[in-house]
Amino acid sequence: MNMQKLMKEAQKAQKQMQEAQERLAELTVEGSAGGGLVTATATGAGDVTRVKIDPGSVDPEDVELLEDLVAAAVADAQRKAKELQEREMGGAMGGLGGMGGLGGLGF
């Protein structure tokens, strides 16, 4: 592959990555715990934007359980955001064969 073509492909990949990142910022995922007693919403970039707690799950005698449910719901949302990122970014890089398709350049 000649250098000019390689640079053109790298620029195309960079543009596709930027577009994928913009899409991720607009997409949301939802994680949950306790059978839906606690849900967390995150952007595709992984930023948690909302936590919703079912009032029935609030037991003043067992705050630790609620804390665990919140942590689990947030972790679930962030895991789903990571999966979404991998799909979006993989799609952006798909036609280039990954890093090897760019001659090892770190784009």
PDB file of N, CA and C in Angstrom:
ATOM      1  N   MET A   1       0.860  -1.172   0.000  1.00  0.00           N
ATOM      2  CA  MET A   1       0.000   0.000   0.000  1.00  0.00           C
ATOM      3  C   MET A   1       0.904   1.232   0.000  1.00  0.00           C
ATOM      4  N   ASN A   2       0.646   2.166  -0.906  1.00  0.00           N
ATOM      5  CA  ASN A   2       1.499   3.355  -0.943  1.00  0.00           C
ATOM      6  C   ASN A   2       1.130   4.317   0.191  1.00  0.00           C
ATOM      7  N   MET A   3       2.044   5.214   0.506  1.00  0.00           N
ATOM      8  CA  MET A   3       1.888   6.104   1.652  1.00  0.00           C
ATOM      9  C   MET A   3       0.681   7.030   1.501  1.00  0.00           C
ATOM     10  N   GLN A   4       0.432   7.537   0.300  1.00  0.00           N
ATOM     11  CA  GLN A   4      -0.690   8.451   0.090  1.00  0.00           C
ATOM     12  C   GLN A   4      -2.020   7.730   0.360  1.00  0.00           C
ATOM     13  N   LYS A   5      -2.134   6.507  -0.123  1.00  0.00           N
ATOM     14  CA  LYS A   5      -3.351   5.739   0.104  1.00  0.00           C
ATOM     15  C   LYS A   5      -3.495   5.410   1.595  1.00  0.00           C
ATOM     16  N   LEU A   6      -2.394   5.087   2.224  1.00  0.00           N
ATOM     17  CA  LEU A   6      -2.407   4.791   3.650  1.00  0.00           C
ATOM     18  C   LEU A   6      -2.887   5.999   4.457  1.00  0.00           C
ATOM     19  N   MET A   7      -2.393   7.182   4.131  1.00  0.00           N
ATOM     20  CA  MET A   7      -2.800   8.391   4.836  1.00  0.00           C
ATOM     21  C   MET A   7      -4.282   8.701   4.595  1.00  0.00           C
ATOM     22  N   LYS A   8      -4.747   8.470   3.380  1.00  0.00           N
ATOM     23  CA  LYS A   8      -6.156   8.699   3.059  1.00  0.00           C
ATOM     24  C   LYS A   8      -7.040   7.745   3.877  1.00  0.00           C
ATOM     25  N   GLU A   9      -6.626   6.501   3.976  1.00  0.00           N
ATOM     26  CA  GLU A   9      -7.373   5.521   4.766  1.00  0.00           C
ATOM     27  C   GLU A   9      -7.362   5.897   6.246  1.00  0.00           C
ATOM     28  N   ALA A  10      -6.236   6.385   6.734  1.00  0.00           N
ATOM     29  CA  ALA A  10      -6.122   6.794   8.132  1.00  0.00           C
ATOM     30  C   ALA A  10      -7.040   7.978   8.419  1.00  0.00           C
ATOM     31  N   GLN A  11      -7.108   8.937   7.502  1.00  0.00           N
ATOM     32  CA  GLN A  11      -7.994  10.081   7.679  1.00  0.00           C
ATOM     33  C   GLN A  11      -9.453   9.640   7.670  1.00  0.00           C
ATOM     34  N   LYS A  12      -9.770   8.708   6.801  1.00  0.00           N
ATOM     35  CA  LYS A  12     -11.133   8.190   6.727  1.00  0.00           C
ATOM     36  C   LYS A  12     -11.492   7.485   8.036  1.00  0.00           C
ATOM     37  N   ALA A  13     -10.560   6.699   8.552  1.00  0.00           N
ATOM     38  CA  ALA A  13     -10.795   5.997   9.810  1.00  0.00           C
ATOM     39  C   ALA A  13     -10.966   6.986  10.958  1.00  0.00           C
ATOM     40  N   GLN A  14     -10.179   8.026  10.977  1.00  0.00           N
ATOM     41  CA  GLN A  14     -10.273   9.033  12.026  1.00  0.00           C
ATOM     42  C   GLN A  14     -11.645   9.718  11.984  1.00  0.00           C
ATOM     43  N   LYS A  15     -12.121  10.027  10.791  1.00  0.00           N
ATOM     44  CA  LYS A  15     -13.437  10.651  10.645  1.00  0.00           C
ATOM     45  C   LYS A  15     -14.535   9.697  11.119  1.00  0.00           C
ATOM     46  N   GLN A  16     -14.421   8.424  10.759  1.00  0.00           N
ATOM     47  CA  GLN A  16     -15.417   7.446  11.171  1.00  0.00           C
ATOM     48  C   GLN A  16     -15.418   7.273  12.686  1.00  0.00           C
ATOM     49  N   MET A  17     -14.238   7.310  13.294  1.00  0.00           N
ATOM     50  CA  MET A  17     -14.145   7.193  14.745  1.00  0.00           C
ATOM     51  C   MET A  17     -14.810   8.400  15.414  1.00  0.00           C
ATOM     52  N   GLN A  18     -14.587   9.580  14.888  1.00  0.00           N
ATOM     53  CA  GLN A  18     -15.193  10.787  15.444  1.00  0.00           C
ATOM     54  C   GLN A  18     -16.714  10.710  15.330  1.00  0.00           C
ATOM     55  N   GLU A  19     -17.211  10.253  14.203  1.00  0.00           N
ATOM     56  CA  GLU A  19     -18.652  10.118  14.018  1.00  0.00           C
ATOM     57  C   GLU A  19     -19.223   9.090  14.991  1.00  0.00           C
ATOM     58  N   ALA A  20     -18.504   7.993  15.198  1.00  0.00           N
ATOM     59  CA  ALA A  20     -18.955   6.966  16.140  1.00  0.00           C
ATOM     60  C   ALA A  20     -19.002   7.532  17.559  1.00  0.00           C
ATOM     61  N   GLN A  21     -18.007   8.324  17.943  1.00  0.00           N
ATOM     62  CA  GLN A  21     -17.990   8.935  19.269  1.00  0.00           C
ATOM     63  C   GLN A  21     -19.156   9.904  19.440  1.00  0.00           C
ATOM     64  N   GLU A  22     -19.492  10.628  18.402  1.00  0.00           N
ATOM     65  CA  GLU A  22     -20.629  11.550  18.466  1.00  0.00           C
ATOM     66  C   GLU A  22     -21.939  10.782  18.630  1.00  0.00           C
ATOM     67  N   ARG A  23     -22.067   9.659  17.915  1.00  0.00           N
ATOM     68  CA  ARG A  23     -23.269   8.828  18.064  1.00  0.00           C
ATOM     69  C   ARG A  23     -23.357   8.284  19.493  1.00  0.00           C
ATOM     70  N   LEU A  24     -22.222   7.844  20.024  1.00  0.00           N
ATOM     71  CA  LEU A  24     -22.215   7.287  21.377  1.00  0.00           C
ATOM     72  C   LEU A  24     -22.679   8.304  22.409  1.00  0.00           C
ATOM     73  N   ALA A  25     -22.321   9.556  22.227  1.00  0.00           N
ATOM     74  CA  ALA A  25     -22.726  10.597  23.175  1.00  0.00           C
ATOM     75  C   ALA A  25     -24.238  10.798  23.167  1.00  0.00           C
ATOM     76  N   GLU A  26     -24.896  10.454  22.066  1.00  0.00           N
ATOM     77  CA  GLU A  26     -26.334  10.647  21.936  1.00  0.00           C
ATOM     78  C   GLU A  26     -27.135   9.409  22.345  1.00  0.00           C
ATOM     79  N   LEU A  27     -26.517   8.240  22.294  1.00  0.00           N
ATOM     80  CA  LEU A  27     -27.210   6.993  22.620  1.00  0.00           C
ATOM     81  C   LEU A  27     -27.213   6.762  24.122  1.00  0.00           C
ATOM     82  N   THR A  28     -28.205   6.025  24.605  1.00  0.00           N
ATOM     83  CA  THR A  28     -28.248   5.673  26.017  1.00  0.00           C
ATOM     84  C   THR A  28     -28.459   4.176  26.177  1.00  0.00           C
ATOM     85  N   VAL A  29     -28.025   3.677  27.310  1.00  0.00           N
ATOM     86  CA  VAL A  29     -28.253   2.290  27.704  1.00  0.00           C
ATOM     87  C   VAL A  29     -28.790   2.315  29.123  1.00  0.00           C
ATOM     88  N   GLU A  30     -29.441   1.232  29.516  1.00  0.00           N
ATOM     89  CA  GLU A  30     -29.987   1.157  30.860  1.00  0.00           C
ATOM     90  C   GLU A  30     -29.538  -0.138  31.505  1.00  0.00           C
ATOM     91  N   GLY A  31     -29.046  -0.017  32.717  1.00  0.00           N
ATOM     92  CA  GLY A  31     -28.678  -1.185  33.507  1.00  0.00           C
ATOM     93  C   GLY A  31     -29.630  -1.294  34.675  1.00  0.00           C
ATOM     94  N   SER A  32     -29.750  -2.499  35.208  1.00  0.00           N
ATOM     95  CA  SER A  32     -30.666  -2.663  36.327  1.00  0.00           C
ATOM     96  C   SER A  32     -30.127  -3.689  37.314  1.00  0.00           C
ATOM     97  N   ALA A  33     -30.712  -3.686  38.500  1.00  0.00           N
ATOM     98  CA  ALA A  33     -30.358  -4.643  39.539  1.00  0.00           C
ATOM     99  C   ALA A  33     -31.593  -4.894  40.387  1.00  0.00           C
ATOM    100  N   GLY A  34     -31.591  -6.024  41.058  1.00  0.00           N
ATOM    101  CA  GLY A  34     -32.716  -6.345  41.936  1.00  0.00           C
ATOM    102  C   GLY A  34     -34.005  -6.538  41.184  1.00  0.00           C
ATOM    103  N   GLY A  35     -33.922  -7.100  39.993  1.00  0.00           N
ATOM    104  CA  GLY A  35     -35.135  -7.321  39.213  1.00  0.00           C
ATOM    105  C   GLY A  35     -35.805  -6.033  38.785  1.00  0.00           C
ATOM    106  N   GLY A  36     -35.001  -4.980  38.615  1.00  0.00           N
ATOM    107  CA  GLY A  36     -35.535  -3.709  38.170  1.00  0.00           C
ATOM    108  C   GLY A  36     -35.860  -2.739  39.297  1.00  0.00           C
ATOM    109  N   LEU A  37     -35.545  -3.111  40.534  1.00  0.00           N
ATOM    110  CA  LEU A  37     -35.786  -2.192  41.646  1.00  0.00           C
ATOM    111  C   LEU A  37     -34.939  -0.939  41.531  1.00  0.00           C
ATOM    112  N   VAL A  38     -33.742  -1.095  40.968  1.00  0.00           N
ATOM    113  CA  VAL A  38     -32.859   0.038  40.734  1.00  0.00           C
ATOM    114  C   VAL A  38     -32.423  -0.008  39.280  1.00  0.00           C
ATOM    115  N   THR A  39     -32.560   1.114  38.580  1.00  0.00           N
ATOM    116  CA  THR A  39     -32.089   1.201  37.204  1.00  0.00           C
ATOM    117  C   THR A  39     -31.148   2.399  37.088  1.00  0.00           C
ATOM    118  N   ALA A  40     -30.187   2.251  36.202  1.00  0.00           N
ATOM    119  CA  ALA A  40     -29.239   3.334  35.933  1.00  0.00           C
ATOM    120  C   ALA A  40     -29.197   3.543  34.428  1.00  0.00           C
ATOM    121  N   THR A  41     -29.225   4.792  34.020  1.00  0.00           N
ATOM    122  CA  THR A  41     -29.139   5.149  32.611  1.00  0.00           C
ATOM    123  C   THR A  41     -27.778   5.786  32.375  1.00  0.00           C
ATOM    124  N   ALA A  42     -27.132   5.379  31.278  1.00  0.00           N
ATOM    125  CA  ALA A  42     -25.818   5.929  30.933  1.00  0.00           C
ATOM    126  C   ALA A  42     -25.789   6.261  29.453  1.00  0.00           C
ATOM    127  N   THR A  43     -24.941   7.209  29.103  1.00  0.00           N
ATOM    128  CA  THR A  43     -24.732   7.503  27.689  1.00  0.00           C
ATOM    129  C   THR A  43     -23.905   6.379  27.090  1.00  0.00           C
ATOM    130  N   GLY A  44     -23.844   6.341  25.777  1.00  0.00           N
ATOM    131  CA  GLY A  44     -23.005   5.355  25.111  1.00  0.00           C
ATOM    132  C   GLY A  44     -21.537   5.535  25.455  1.00  0.00           C
ATOM    133  N   ALA A  45     -21.175   6.720  25.920  1.00  0.00           N
ATOM    134  CA  ALA A  45     -19.794   6.982  26.338  1.00  0.00           C
ATOM    135  C   ALA A  45     -19.537   6.481  27.753  1.00  0.00           C
ATOM    136  N   GLY A  46     -20.590   6.025  28.457  1.00  0.00           N
ATOM    137  CA  GLY A  46     -20.425   5.456  29.775  1.00  0.00           C
ATOM    138  C   GLY A  46     -20.724   6.396  30.930  1.00  0.00           C
ATOM    139  N   ASP A  47     -21.149   7.619  30.645  1.00  0.00           N
ATOM    140  CA  ASP A  47     -21.470   8.572  31.703  1.00  0.00           C
ATOM    141  C   ASP A  47     -22.865   8.289  32.253  1.00  0.00           C
ATOM    142  N   VAL A  48     -22.963   8.043  33.557  1.00  0.00           N
ATOM    143  CA  VAL A  48     -24.255   7.775  34.182  1.00  0.00           C
ATOM    144  C   VAL A  48     -25.022   9.089  34.276  1.00  0.00           C
ATOM    145  N   THR A  49     -26.239   9.079  33.737  1.00  0.00           N
ATOM    146  CA  THR A  49     -27.043  10.301  33.702  1.00  0.00           C
ATOM    147  C   THR A  49     -28.253  10.256  34.623  1.00  0.00           C
ATOM    148  N   ARG A  50     -28.615   9.036  35.065  1.00  0.00           N
ATOM    149  CA  ARG A  50     -29.803   8.925  35.909  1.00  0.00           C
ATOM    150  C   ARG A  50     -29.764   7.624  36.684  1.00  0.00           C
ATOM    151  N   VAL A  51     -30.230   7.682  37.910  1.00  0.00           N
ATOM    152  CA  VAL A  51     -30.439   6.486  38.724  1.00  0.00           C
ATOM    153  C   VAL A  51     -31.866   6.559  39.238  1.00  0.00           C
ATOM    154  N   LYS A  52     -32.620   5.485  39.021  1.00  0.00           N
ATOM    155  CA  LYS A  52     -34.010   5.443  39.461  1.00  0.00           C
ATOM    156  C   LYS A  52     -34.151   4.311  40.477  1.00  0.00           C
ATOM    157  N   ILE A  53     -34.763   4.641  41.604  1.00  0.00           N
ATOM    158  CA  ILE A  53     -34.917   3.667  42.685  1.00  0.00           C
ATOM    159  C   ILE A  53     -36.402   3.472  42.969  1.00  0.00           C
ATOM    160  N   ASP A  54     -36.841   2.227  42.918  1.00  0.00           N
ATOM    161  CA  ASP A  54     -38.224   1.908  43.259  1.00  0.00           C
ATOM    162  C   ASP A  54     -38.393   2.161  44.765  1.00  0.00           C
ATOM    163  N   PRO A  55     -39.386   2.972  45.135  1.00  0.00           N
ATOM    164  CA  PRO A  55     -39.566   3.286  46.558  1.00  0.00           C
ATOM    165  C   PRO A  55     -39.723   2.037  47.436  1.00  0.00           C
ATOM    166  N   GLY A  56     -40.242   0.967  46.866  1.00  0.00           N
ATOM    167  CA  GLY A  56     -40.410  -0.263  47.638  1.00  0.00           C
ATOM    168  C   GLY A  56     -39.097  -0.927  48.023  1.00  0.00           C
ATOM    169  N   SER A  57     -38.013  -0.520  47.376  1.00  0.00           N
ATOM    170  CA  SER A  57     -36.714  -1.120  47.686  1.00  0.00           C
ATOM    171  C   SER A  57     -35.985  -0.394  48.806  1.00  0.00           C
ATOM    172  N   VAL A  58     -36.558   0.705  49.272  1.00  0.00           N
ATOM    173  CA  VAL A  58     -35.923   1.496  50.317  1.00  0.00           C
ATOM    174  C   VAL A  58     -36.338   0.965  51.692  1.00  0.00           C
ATOM    175  N   ASP A  59     -35.378   0.375  52.373  1.00  0.00           N
ATOM    176  CA  ASP A  59     -35.591  -0.136  53.722  1.00  0.00           C
ATOM    177  C   ASP A  59     -34.573   0.544  54.626  1.00  0.00           C
ATOM    178  N   PRO A  60     -35.022   1.456  55.476  1.00  0.00           N
ATOM    179  CA  PRO A  60     -34.080   2.177  56.338  1.00  0.00           C
ATOM    180  C   PRO A  60     -33.232   1.254  57.205  1.00  0.00           C
ATOM    181  N   GLU A  61     -33.702   0.036  57.422  1.00  0.00           N
ATOM    182  CA  GLU A  61     -32.951  -0.926  58.231  1.00  0.00           C
ATOM    183  C   GLU A  61     -31.879  -1.645  57.418  1.00  0.00           C
ATOM    184  N   ASP A  62     -31.931  -1.503  56.091  1.00  0.00           N
ATOM    185  CA  ASP A  62     -30.961  -2.214  55.248  1.00  0.00           C
ATOM    186  C   ASP A  62     -30.477  -1.307  54.115  1.00  0.00           C
ATOM    187  N   VAL A  63     -29.845  -0.218  54.474  1.00  0.00           N
ATOM    188  CA  VAL A  63     -29.313   0.725  53.493  1.00  0.00           C
ATOM    189  C   VAL A  63     -28.221   0.063  52.650  1.00  0.00           C
ATOM    190  N   GLU A  64     -27.482  -0.857  53.238  1.00  0.00           N
ATOM    191  CA  GLU A  64     -26.393  -1.530  52.524  1.00  0.00           C
ATOM    192  C   GLU A  64     -26.919  -2.267  51.288  1.00  0.00           C
ATOM    193  N   LEU A  65     -28.079  -2.893  51.397  1.00  0.00           N
ATOM    194  CA  LEU A  65     -28.659  -3.576  50.240  1.00  0.00           C
ATOM    195  C   LEU A  65     -28.951  -2.580  49.122  1.00  0.00           C
ATOM    196  N   LEU A  66     -29.523  -1.437  49.459  1.00  0.00           N
ATOM    197  CA  LEU A  66     -29.818  -0.417  48.460  1.00  0.00           C
ATOM    198  C   LEU A  66     -28.529   0.083  47.806  1.00  0.00           C
ATOM    199  N   GLU A  67     -27.496   0.292  48.604  1.00  0.00           N
ATOM    200  CA  GLU A  67     -26.206   0.723  48.064  1.00  0.00           C
ATOM    201  C   GLU A  67     -25.663  -0.315  47.082  1.00  0.00           C
ATOM    202  N   ASP A  68     -25.778  -1.584  47.438  1.00  0.00           N
ATOM    203  CA  ASP A  68     -25.312  -2.658  46.552  1.00  0.00           C
ATOM    204  C   ASP A  68     -26.108  -2.688  45.249  1.00  0.00           C
ATOM    205  N   LEU A  69     -27.419  -2.477  45.354  1.00  0.00           N
ATOM    206  CA  LEU A  69     -28.264  -2.463  44.152  1.00  0.00           C
ATOM    207  C   LEU A  69     -27.903  -1.303  43.231  1.00  0.00           C
ATOM    208  N   VAL A  70     -27.655  -0.133  43.818  1.00  0.00           N
ATOM    209  CA  VAL A  70     -27.275   1.037  43.014  1.00  0.00           C
ATOM    210  C   VAL A  70     -25.942   0.766  42.320  1.00  0.00           C
ATOM    211  N   ALA A  71     -24.972   0.258  43.062  1.00  0.00           N
ATOM    212  CA  ALA A  71     -23.664  -0.043  42.465  1.00  0.00           C
ATOM    213  C   ALA A  71     -23.793  -1.071  41.349  1.00  0.00           C
ATOM    214  N   ALA A  72     -24.611  -2.096  41.552  1.00  0.00           N
ATOM    215  CA  ALA A  72     -24.792  -3.132  40.535  1.00  0.00           C
ATOM    216  C   ALA A  72     -25.482  -2.576  39.288  1.00  0.00           C
ATOM    217  N   ALA A  73     -26.482  -1.725  39.471  1.00  0.00           N
ATOM    218  CA  ALA A  73     -27.190  -1.137  38.330  1.00  0.00           C
ATOM    219  C   ALA A  73     -26.259  -0.233  37.531  1.00  0.00           C
ATOM    220  N   VAL A  74     -25.446   0.558  38.219  1.00  0.00           N
ATOM    221  CA  VAL A  74     -24.489   1.438  37.537  1.00  0.00           C
ATOM    222  C   VAL A  74     -23.461   0.598  36.780  1.00  0.00           C
ATOM    223  N   ALA A  75     -22.962  -0.444  37.414  1.00  0.00           N
ATOM    224  CA  ALA A  75     -21.988  -1.318  36.744  1.00  0.00           C
ATOM    225  C   ALA A  75     -22.605  -1.969  35.510  1.00  0.00           C
ATOM    226  N   ASP A  76     -23.862  -2.384  35.601  1.00  0.00           N
ATOM    227  CA  ASP A  76     -24.546  -2.995  34.468  1.00  0.00           C
ATOM    228  C   ASP A  76     -24.702  -1.995  33.325  1.00  0.00           C
ATOM    229  N   ALA A  77     -25.081  -0.764  33.650  1.00  0.00           N
ATOM    230  CA  ALA A  77     -25.218   0.274  32.613  1.00  0.00           C
ATOM    231  C   ALA A  77     -23.873   0.553  31.958  1.00  0.00           C
ATOM    232  N   GLN A  78     -22.816   0.634  32.739  1.00  0.00           N
ATOM    233  CA  GLN A  78     -21.497   0.917  32.179  1.00  0.00           C
ATOM    234  C   GLN A  78     -20.988  -0.252  31.333  1.00  0.00           C
ATOM    235  N   ARG A  79     -21.312  -1.481  31.734  1.00  0.00           N
ATOM    236  CA  ARG A  79     -20.939  -2.651  30.926  1.00  0.00           C
ATOM    237  C   ARG A  79     -21.647  -2.600  29.573  1.00  0.00           C
ATOM    238  N   LYS A  80     -22.924  -2.259  29.594  1.00  0.00           N
ATOM    239  CA  LYS A  80     -23.684  -2.160  28.348  1.00  0.00           C
ATOM    240  C   LYS A  80     -23.157  -1.017  27.486  1.00  0.00           C
ATOM    241  N   ALA A  81     -22.753   0.078  28.105  1.00  0.00           N
ATOM    242  CA  ALA A  81     -22.174   1.195  27.351  1.00  0.00           C
ATOM    243  C   ALA A  81     -20.870   0.757  26.693  1.00  0.00           C
ATOM    244  N   LYS A  82     -20.068  -0.023  27.399  1.00  0.00           N
ATOM    245  CA  LYS A  82     -18.806  -0.516  26.832  1.00  0.00           C
ATOM    246  C   LYS A  82     -19.070  -1.435  25.636  1.00  0.00           C
ATOM    247  N   GLU A  83     -20.063  -2.284  25.752  1.00  0.00           N
ATOM    248  CA  GLU A  83     -20.422  -3.159  24.627  1.00  0.00           C
ATOM    249  C   GLU A  83     -20.869  -2.320  23.431  1.00  0.00           C
ATOM    250  N   LEU A  84     -21.649  -1.285  23.694  1.00  0.00           N
ATOM    251  CA  LEU A  84     -22.107  -0.391  22.631  1.00  0.00           C
ATOM    252  C   LEU A  84     -20.917   0.315  21.992  1.00  0.00           C
ATOM    253  N   GLN A  85     -19.975   0.758  22.809  1.00  0.00           N
ATOM    254  CA  GLN A  85     -18.767   1.406  22.292  1.00  0.00           C
ATOM    255  C   GLN A  85     -18.001   0.462  21.376  1.00  0.00           C
ATOM    256  N   GLU A  86     -17.846  -0.778  21.804  1.00  0.00           N
ATOM    257  CA  GLU A  86     -17.110  -1.756  20.999  1.00  0.00           C
ATOM    258  C   GLU A  86     -17.796  -1.996  19.660  1.00  0.00           C
ATOM    259  N   ARG A  87     -19.134  -2.051  19.674  1.00  0.00           N
ATOM    260  CA  ARG A  87     -19.865  -2.238  18.409  1.00  0.00           C
ATOM    261  C   ARG A  87     -19.701  -1.025  17.505  1.00  0.00           C
ATOM    262  N   GLU A  88     -19.885   0.168  18.069  1.00  0.00           N
ATOM    263  CA  GLU A  88     -19.791   1.394  17.271  1.00  0.00           C
ATOM    264  C   GLU A  88     -18.377   1.607  16.734  1.00  0.00           C
ATOM    265  N   MET A  89     -17.396   1.447  17.583  1.00  0.00           N
ATOM    266  CA  MET A  89     -16.013   1.676  17.166  1.00  0.00           C
ATOM    267  C   MET A  89     -15.543   0.569  16.222  1.00  0.00           C
ATOM    268  N   GLY A  90     -15.992  -0.646  16.486  1.00  0.00           N
ATOM    269  CA  GLY A  90     -15.647  -1.753  15.589  1.00  0.00           C
ATOM    270  C   GLY A  90     -16.213  -1.528  14.204  1.00  0.00           C
ATOM    271  N   GLY A  91     -17.423  -0.988  14.142  1.00  0.00           N
ATOM    272  CA  GLY A  91     -18.029  -0.675  12.856  1.00  0.00           C
ATOM    273  C   GLY A  91     -17.266   0.408  12.125  1.00  0.00           C
ATOM    274  N   ALA A  92     -16.766   1.373  12.884  1.00  0.00           N
ATOM    275  CA  ALA A  92     -16.006   2.465  12.271  1.00  0.00           C
ATOM    276  C   ALA A  92     -14.685   1.969  11.711  1.00  0.00           C
ATOM    277  N   MET A  93     -14.097   0.973  12.347  1.00  0.00           N
ATOM    278  CA  MET A  93     -12.794   0.462  11.915  1.00  0.00           C
ATOM    279  C   MET A  93     -12.931  -0.783  11.036  1.00  0.00           C
ATOM    280  N   GLY A  94     -14.145  -1.325  10.925  1.00  0.00           N
ATOM    281  CA  GLY A  94     -14.364  -2.593  10.259  1.00  0.00           C
ATOM    282  C   GLY A  94     -13.742  -2.750   8.896  1.00  0.00           C
ATOM    283  N   GLY A  95     -13.862  -1.769   8.039  1.00  0.00           N
ATOM    284  CA  GLY A  95     -13.361  -1.897   6.683  1.00  0.00           C
ATOM    285  C   GLY A  95     -11.862  -1.777   6.562  1.00  0.00           C
ATOM    286  N   LEU A  96     -11.193  -1.455   7.650  1.00  0.00           N
ATOM    287  CA  LEU A  96      -9.757  -1.233   7.576  1.00  0.00           C
ATOM    288  C   LEU A  96      -8.950  -2.372   8.174  1.00  0.00           C
ATOM    289  N   GLY A  97      -9.623  -3.407   8.645  1.00  0.00           N
ATOM    290  CA  GLY A  97      -8.905  -4.545   9.190  1.00  0.00           C
ATOM    291  C   GLY A  97      -8.223  -4.247  10.509  1.00  0.00           C
ATOM    292  N   GLY A  98      -8.764  -3.337  11.286  1.00  0.00           N
ATOM    293  CA  GLY A  98      -8.183  -3.026  12.588  1.00  0.00           C
ATOM    294  C   GLY A  98      -6.865  -2.304  12.467  1.00  0.00           C
ATOM    295  N   MET A  99      -6.062  -2.359  13.489  1.00  0.00           N
ATOM    296  CA  MET A  99      -4.786  -1.638  13.501  1.00  0.00           C
ATOM    297  C   MET A  99      -3.844  -2.160  12.416  1.00  0.00           C
ATOM    298  N   GLY A 100      -3.883  -3.460  12.180  1.00  0.00           N
ATOM    299  CA  GLY A 100      -2.999  -4.024  11.162  1.00  0.00           C
ATOM    300  C   GLY A 100      -3.288  -3.472   9.781  1.00  0.00           C
ATOM    301  N   GLY A 101      -4.563  -3.171   9.521  1.00  0.00           N
ATOM    302  CA  GLY A 101      -4.938  -2.607   8.228  1.00  0.00           C
ATOM    303  C   GLY A 101      -4.415  -1.204   8.022  1.00  0.00           C
ATOM    304  N   LEU A 102      -3.951  -0.574   9.082  1.00  0.00           N
ATOM    305  CA  LEU A 102      -3.386   0.756   8.979  1.00  0.00           C
ATOM    306  C   LEU A 102      -1.875   0.715   9.102  1.00  0.00           C
ATOM    307  N   GLY A 103      -1.311  -0.423   8.895  1.00  0.00           N
ATOM    308  CA  GLY A 103       0.131  -0.546   8.939  1.00  0.00           C
ATOM    309  C   GLY A 103       0.682  -0.341  10.341  1.00  0.00           C
ATOM    310  N   GLY A 104      -0.150  -0.640  11.365  1.00  0.00           N
ATOM    311  CA  GLY A 104       0.301  -0.514  12.740  1.00  0.00           C
ATOM    312  C   GLY A 104       0.227   0.888  13.294  1.00  0.00           C
ATOM    313  N   LEU A 105      -0.314   1.836  12.537  1.00  0.00           N
ATOM    314  CA  LEU A 105      -0.429   3.202  13.054  1.00  0.00           C
ATOM    315  C   LEU A 105      -1.475   3.237  14.142  1.00  0.00           C
ATOM    316  N   GLY A 106      -1.284   4.006  15.167  1.00  0.00           N
ATOM    317  CA  GLY A 106      -2.190   4.060  16.306  1.00  0.00           C
ATOM    318  C   GLY A 106      -3.363   5.001  16.130  1.00  0.00           C
ATOM    319  N   PHE A 107      -4.296   4.704  15.271  1.00  0.00           N
ATOM    320  CA  PHE A 107      -5.495   5.528  15.098  1.00  0.00           C
ATOM    321  C   PHE A 107      -6.669   4.841  15.725  1.00  0.00           C
TER     322      PHE A 107
END
